[in-house]
Amino acid sequence: MKAPNLPHGALYAVKVAWRSLIDAQYRLDEHGLECPSLADVQAETGAIAAVWQGRRPPDEGEDLPAYFTEGMKEWRRRNGRSY
């Protein structure tokens, strides 16, 4: 994934916003409160920062080769593990 050309300071501003949103989530959590909208905004902000840095967003799973997936299933079957 290629990072876009960004204006000076744009990535820094997104990272500051992301950290502020995390701080707000922790402060709410300390008082037993929850805001699903805040969690969504924080997750999207983190994804934007990842993409802008040329990385895959955290919510996108990595594509594993088929042989790896089959090997995991076989291991679980042999060892009596369930899903």
Protein backbone atom coordinates (compact mmCIF):
# COMPACT_ATOMS: atom_id res chain seq x y z
CA MET A 1 0.00 0.00 0.00
CA LYS A 2 1.48 3.32 -1.05
CA ALA A 3 1.11 6.32 1.23
CA PRO A 4 -0.37 9.42 -0.38
CA ASN A 5 1.53 12.71 -0.65
CA LEU A 6 0.34 14.71 2.33
CA PRO A 7 0.60 18.35 3.32
CA HIS A 8 3.13 19.07 6.05
CA GLY A 9 1.75 18.22 9.48
CA ALA A 10 -1.38 16.37 8.30
CA LEU A 11 -0.27 12.95 9.55
CA TYR A 12 0.88 14.45 12.85
CA ALA A 13 -2.53 16.09 13.33
CA VAL A 14 -4.34 12.80 12.67
CA LYS A 15 -2.10 11.00 15.17
CA VAL A 16 -2.76 13.68 17.81
CA ALA A 17 -6.50 13.37 17.20
CA TRP A 18 -6.28 9.57 17.48
CA ARG A 19 -4.43 9.80 20.81
CA SER A 20 -6.97 12.32 22.11
CA LEU A 21 -9.84 10.02 21.16
CA ILE A 22 -8.16 7.12 22.96
CA ASP A 23 -7.73 9.33 26.01
CA ALA A 24 -11.44 10.21 25.92
CA GLN A 25 -12.35 6.52 25.70
CA TYR A 26 -10.19 5.68 28.73
CA ARG A 27 -11.70 8.54 30.74
CA LEU A 28 -15.22 7.36 29.95
CA ASP A 29 -14.25 3.78 30.77
CA GLU A 30 -12.90 4.83 34.18
CA HIS A 31 -16.41 6.01 35.03
CA GLY A 32 -18.14 2.95 33.61
CA LEU A 33 -19.43 4.79 30.55
CA GLU A 34 -19.28 3.74 26.93
CA CYS A 35 -19.80 5.57 23.65
CA PRO A 36 -19.92 3.32 20.56
CA SER A 37 -19.71 6.36 18.26
CA LEU A 38 -16.49 7.49 19.93
CA ALA A 39 -15.05 3.98 19.53
CA ASP A 40 -15.96 4.02 15.82
CA VAL A 41 -14.36 7.43 15.25
CA GLN A 42 -11.21 6.34 17.09
CA ALA A 43 -10.96 3.16 14.99
CA GLU A 44 -11.43 5.06 11.73
CA THR A 45 -8.83 7.64 12.75
CA GLY A 46 -6.35 4.85 13.49
CA ALA A 47 -7.09 3.30 10.09
CA ILE A 48 -6.49 6.63 8.35
CA ALA A 49 -3.14 7.02 10.11
CA ALA A 50 -2.15 3.48 9.09
CA VAL A 51 -3.05 4.01 5.43
CA TRP A 52 -1.29 7.37 5.33
CA GLN A 53 1.86 5.66 6.62
CA GLY A 54 1.65 3.00 3.92
CA ARG A 55 0.44 0.21 6.21
CA ARG A 56 -2.63 -1.98 6.15
CA PRO A 57 -5.46 -0.78 8.42
CA PRO A 58 -5.79 -2.81 11.65
CA ASP A 59 -9.27 -4.10 10.76
CA GLU A 60 -8.14 -5.66 7.47
CA GLY A 61 -7.04 -9.22 7.93
CA GLU A 62 -3.89 -10.45 6.30
CA ASP A 63 -4.42 -12.87 3.42
CA LEU A 64 -2.94 -16.20 4.41
CA PRO A 65 -1.94 -18.81 1.85
CA ALA A 66 -4.43 -21.68 1.49
CA TYR A 67 -1.84 -24.26 2.64
CA PHE A 68 -1.37 -22.33 5.89
CA THR A 69 -5.12 -22.23 6.60
CA GLU A 70 -5.49 -25.93 5.77
CA GLY A 71 -2.56 -26.75 8.05
CA MET A 72 -4.19 -24.87 10.93
CA LYS A 73 -7.47 -26.75 10.39
CA GLU A 74 -5.65 -30.08 10.27
CA TRP A 75 -3.73 -29.29 13.46
CA ARG A 76 -6.95 -28.38 15.26
CA ARG A 77 -8.64 -31.57 14.02
CA ARG A 78 -5.72 -33.78 15.14
CA ASN A 79 -5.54 -32.17 18.55
CA GLY A 80 -9.28 -32.23 19.21
CA ARG A 81 -9.66 -28.46 19.15
CA SER A 82 -12.92 -26.86 18.07
CA TYR A 83 -13.64 -23.46 16.61
